[in-house]
Amino acid sequence: MIFAENLRAKRESLGLSAEELANRIHVSRSYITLIETSKRLPGKTLLPKIARALKLEKNVIVEWYLAEQKEKLS
């Protein structure tokens, strides 16, 4: 849930709706919902787009992604 929680918190701190984020990265709102509810992790090619949309350095979003993967393996 690390990725999901961080994504949602950052999106909300920027005042973006799930719909607005989805439009910025060219995916559906339902896909954002799947990510934010930990039902899906975004594909690796989407990570830089998410980082740009949320005004994050790429390494931050990659750290969230890797932390999520590590948590799933534990």
N, C-alpha and C. Protein backbone atom coordinates (compact mmCIF):
# COMPACT_ATOMS: atom_id res chain seq x y z
N MET A 1 0.81 -1.21 0.00
CA MET A 1 0.00 0.00 0.00
C MET A 1 0.85 1.26 0.00
N ILE A 2 2.15 1.10 0.07
CA ILE A 2 3.04 2.26 0.12
C ILE A 2 2.83 3.16 -1.08
N PHE A 3 2.87 2.58 -2.27
CA PHE A 3 2.72 3.37 -3.49
C PHE A 3 1.37 4.06 -3.52
N ALA A 4 0.33 3.29 -3.25
CA ALA A 4 -1.04 3.80 -3.29
C ALA A 4 -1.23 4.98 -2.33
N GLU A 5 -0.78 4.80 -1.10
CA GLU A 5 -0.95 5.85 -0.09
C GLU A 5 -0.18 7.12 -0.46
N ASN A 6 1.06 6.94 -0.92
CA ASN A 6 1.87 8.09 -1.30
C ASN A 6 1.29 8.82 -2.50
N LEU A 7 0.85 8.06 -3.48
CA LEU A 7 0.27 8.65 -4.68
C LEU A 7 -0.96 9.49 -4.34
N ARG A 8 -1.84 8.90 -3.59
CA ARG A 8 -3.08 9.62 -3.24
C ARG A 8 -2.78 10.87 -2.40
N ALA A 9 -1.89 10.72 -1.42
CA ALA A 9 -1.56 11.87 -0.56
C ALA A 9 -0.95 13.01 -1.39
N LYS A 10 -0.04 12.67 -2.28
CA LYS A 10 0.60 13.71 -3.10
C LYS A 10 -0.42 14.34 -4.06
N ARG A 11 -1.25 13.52 -4.69
CA ARG A 11 -2.28 14.03 -5.60
C ARG A 11 -3.19 15.01 -4.87
N GLU A 12 -3.66 14.60 -3.70
CA GLU A 12 -4.57 15.46 -2.93
C GLU A 12 -3.88 16.73 -2.44
N SER A 13 -2.59 16.62 -2.09
CA SER A 13 -1.87 17.82 -1.62
C SER A 13 -1.73 18.85 -2.74
N LEU A 14 -1.76 18.39 -3.98
CA LEU A 14 -1.70 19.30 -5.12
C LEU A 14 -3.09 19.77 -5.55
N GLY A 15 -4.11 19.27 -4.87
CA GLY A 15 -5.48 19.65 -5.19
C GLY A 15 -6.00 19.04 -6.48
N LEU A 16 -5.42 17.91 -6.88
CA LEU A 16 -5.85 17.24 -8.11
C LEU A 16 -6.87 16.15 -7.81
N SER A 17 -7.87 16.05 -8.65
CA SER A 17 -8.79 14.92 -8.55
C SER A 17 -8.15 13.73 -9.27
N ALA A 18 -8.69 12.55 -9.04
CA ALA A 18 -8.21 11.37 -9.75
C ALA A 18 -8.40 11.55 -11.25
N GLU A 19 -9.49 12.19 -11.63
CA GLU A 19 -9.78 12.46 -13.04
C GLU A 19 -8.72 13.37 -13.66
N GLU A 20 -8.34 14.41 -12.93
CA GLU A 20 -7.33 15.34 -13.44
C GLU A 20 -5.98 14.66 -13.61
N LEU A 21 -5.60 13.85 -12.63
CA LEU A 21 -4.35 13.11 -12.75
C LEU A 21 -4.41 12.16 -13.94
N ALA A 22 -5.50 11.46 -14.07
CA ALA A 22 -5.67 10.52 -15.19
C ALA A 22 -5.51 11.25 -16.52
N ASN A 23 -6.12 12.41 -16.65
CA ASN A 23 -6.01 13.18 -17.90
C ASN A 23 -4.57 13.60 -18.17
N ARG A 24 -3.85 13.97 -17.12
CA ARG A 24 -2.47 14.42 -17.30
C ARG A 24 -1.55 13.29 -17.77
N ILE A 25 -1.85 12.06 -17.38
CA ILE A 25 -0.96 10.95 -17.76
C ILE A 25 -1.59 10.03 -18.81
N HIS A 26 -2.75 10.43 -19.30
CA HIS A 26 -3.42 9.73 -20.41
C HIS A 26 -3.82 8.30 -20.07
N VAL A 27 -4.46 8.15 -18.92
CA VAL A 27 -5.08 6.88 -18.53
C VAL A 27 -6.49 7.18 -18.04
N SER A 28 -7.25 6.14 -17.75
CA SER A 28 -8.61 6.35 -17.26
C SER A 28 -8.61 6.65 -15.77
N ARG A 29 -9.66 7.31 -15.33
CA ARG A 29 -9.82 7.58 -13.90
C ARG A 29 -9.91 6.27 -13.13
N SER A 30 -10.55 5.27 -13.72
CA SER A 30 -10.68 3.98 -13.03
C SER A 30 -9.32 3.32 -12.83
N TYR A 31 -8.38 3.56 -13.74
CA TYR A 31 -7.03 3.01 -13.58
C TYR A 31 -6.34 3.67 -12.38
N ILE A 32 -6.51 4.98 -12.24
CA ILE A 32 -5.96 5.69 -11.07
C ILE A 32 -6.57 5.11 -9.80
N THR A 33 -7.86 4.87 -9.81
CA THR A 33 -8.53 4.29 -8.64
C THR A 33 -7.95 2.92 -8.31
N LEU A 34 -7.70 2.11 -9.32
CA LEU A 34 -7.09 0.79 -9.08
C LEU A 34 -5.71 0.93 -8.43
N ILE A 35 -4.94 1.90 -8.89
CA ILE A 35 -3.61 2.13 -8.31
C ILE A 35 -3.75 2.61 -6.86
N GLU A 36 -4.65 3.57 -6.63
CA GLU A 36 -4.79 4.16 -5.29
C GLU A 36 -5.45 3.21 -4.29
N THR A 37 -6.04 2.16 -4.75
CA THR A 37 -6.62 1.16 -3.84
C THR A 37 -5.76 -0.10 -3.77
N SER A 38 -4.54 0.00 -4.28
CA SER A 38 -3.56 -1.09 -4.26
C SER A 38 -3.98 -2.34 -5.02
N LYS A 39 -4.86 -2.16 -5.96
CA LYS A 39 -5.27 -3.31 -6.78
C LYS A 39 -4.35 -3.47 -7.98
N ARG A 40 -3.64 -2.41 -8.32
CA ARG A 40 -2.69 -2.42 -9.43
C ARG A 40 -1.51 -1.54 -9.10
N LEU A 41 -0.37 -1.89 -9.69
CA LEU A 41 0.77 -0.99 -9.70
C LEU A 41 0.90 -0.48 -11.13
N PRO A 42 1.28 0.76 -11.31
CA PRO A 42 1.43 1.25 -12.68
C PRO A 42 2.58 0.55 -13.39
N GLY A 43 2.48 0.47 -14.69
CA GLY A 43 3.60 -0.04 -15.47
C GLY A 43 4.80 0.88 -15.34
N LYS A 44 5.97 0.32 -15.53
CA LYS A 44 7.20 1.10 -15.36
C LYS A 44 7.27 2.28 -16.32
N THR A 45 6.66 2.17 -17.47
CA THR A 45 6.69 3.28 -18.42
C THR A 45 5.82 4.44 -17.98
N LEU A 46 4.90 4.18 -17.07
CA LEU A 46 4.02 5.24 -16.57
C LEU A 46 4.65 6.03 -15.42
N LEU A 47 5.65 5.46 -14.77
CA LEU A 47 6.24 6.11 -13.60
C LEU A 47 6.75 7.52 -13.90
N PRO A 48 7.50 7.75 -14.99
CA PRO A 48 7.95 9.12 -15.25
C PRO A 48 6.80 10.09 -15.52
N LYS A 49 5.75 9.62 -16.14
CA LYS A 49 4.58 10.47 -16.41
C LYS A 49 3.91 10.86 -15.10
N ILE A 50 3.79 9.90 -14.19
CA ILE A 50 3.19 10.19 -12.88
C ILE A 50 4.06 11.19 -12.13
N ALA A 51 5.38 10.96 -12.16
CA ALA A 51 6.30 11.87 -11.47
C ALA A 51 6.14 13.30 -11.99
N ARG A 52 6.09 13.47 -13.31
CA ARG A 52 5.92 14.82 -13.88
C ARG A 52 4.59 15.43 -13.46
N ALA A 53 3.54 14.63 -13.53
CA ALA A 53 2.20 15.15 -13.20
C ALA A 53 2.11 15.58 -11.74
N LEU A 54 2.86 14.89 -10.88
CA LEU A 54 2.82 15.21 -9.44
C LEU A 54 3.98 16.09 -9.00
N LYS A 55 4.75 16.58 -9.98
CA LYS A 55 5.88 17.47 -9.70
C LYS A 55 6.89 16.84 -8.74
N LEU A 56 7.21 15.57 -9.02
CA LEU A 56 8.16 14.82 -8.22
C LEU A 56 9.39 14.48 -9.05
N GLU A 57 10.51 14.31 -8.38
CA GLU A 57 11.69 13.76 -9.05
C GLU A 57 11.39 12.30 -9.36
N LYS A 58 11.91 11.81 -10.47
CA LYS A 58 11.66 10.42 -10.86
C LYS A 58 12.09 9.43 -9.79
N ASN A 59 13.22 9.72 -9.13
CA ASN A 59 13.71 8.77 -8.13
C ASN A 59 12.74 8.60 -6.96
N VAL A 60 11.95 9.60 -6.65
CA VAL A 60 10.97 9.50 -5.56
C VAL A 60 9.90 8.47 -5.91
N ILE A 61 9.36 8.57 -7.11
CA ILE A 61 8.29 7.66 -7.51
C ILE A 61 8.84 6.25 -7.67
N VAL A 62 10.09 6.13 -8.12
CA VAL A 62 10.71 4.80 -8.23
C VAL A 62 10.92 4.21 -6.84
N GLU A 63 11.29 5.02 -5.88
CA GLU A 63 11.44 4.53 -4.50
C GLU A 63 10.12 4.01 -3.96
N TRP A 64 9.02 4.72 -4.22
CA TRP A 64 7.70 4.24 -3.80
C TRP A 64 7.40 2.89 -4.44
N TYR A 65 7.70 2.80 -5.73
CA TYR A 65 7.43 1.58 -6.50
C TYR A 65 8.23 0.41 -5.93
N LEU A 66 9.52 0.63 -5.69
CA LEU A 66 10.37 -0.44 -5.17
C LEU A 66 9.97 -0.82 -3.75
N ALA A 67 9.59 0.15 -2.94
CA ALA A 67 9.13 -0.15 -1.59
C ALA A 67 7.87 -1.01 -1.62
N GLU A 68 7.00 -0.73 -2.55
CA GLU A 68 5.77 -1.52 -2.72
C GLU A 68 6.12 -2.95 -3.12
N GLN A 69 7.04 -3.09 -4.06
CA GLN A 69 7.45 -4.43 -4.50
C GLN A 69 8.10 -5.19 -3.35
N LYS A 70 8.94 -4.53 -2.58
CA LYS A 70 9.60 -5.16 -1.45
C LYS A 70 8.57 -5.61 -0.41
N GLU A 71 7.58 -4.77 -0.16
CA GLU A 71 6.53 -5.11 0.80
C GLU A 71 5.76 -6.35 0.35
N LYS A 72 5.49 -6.45 -0.94
CA LYS A 72 4.76 -7.60 -1.46
C LYS A 72 5.55 -8.89 -1.34
N LEU A 73 6.87 -8.78 -1.39
CA LEU A 73 7.74 -9.96 -1.29
C LEU A 73 7.92 -10.42 0.16
N SER A 74 7.65 -9.54 1.09
CA SER A 74 7.85 -9.87 2.52
C SER A 74 6.77 -10.77 3.06
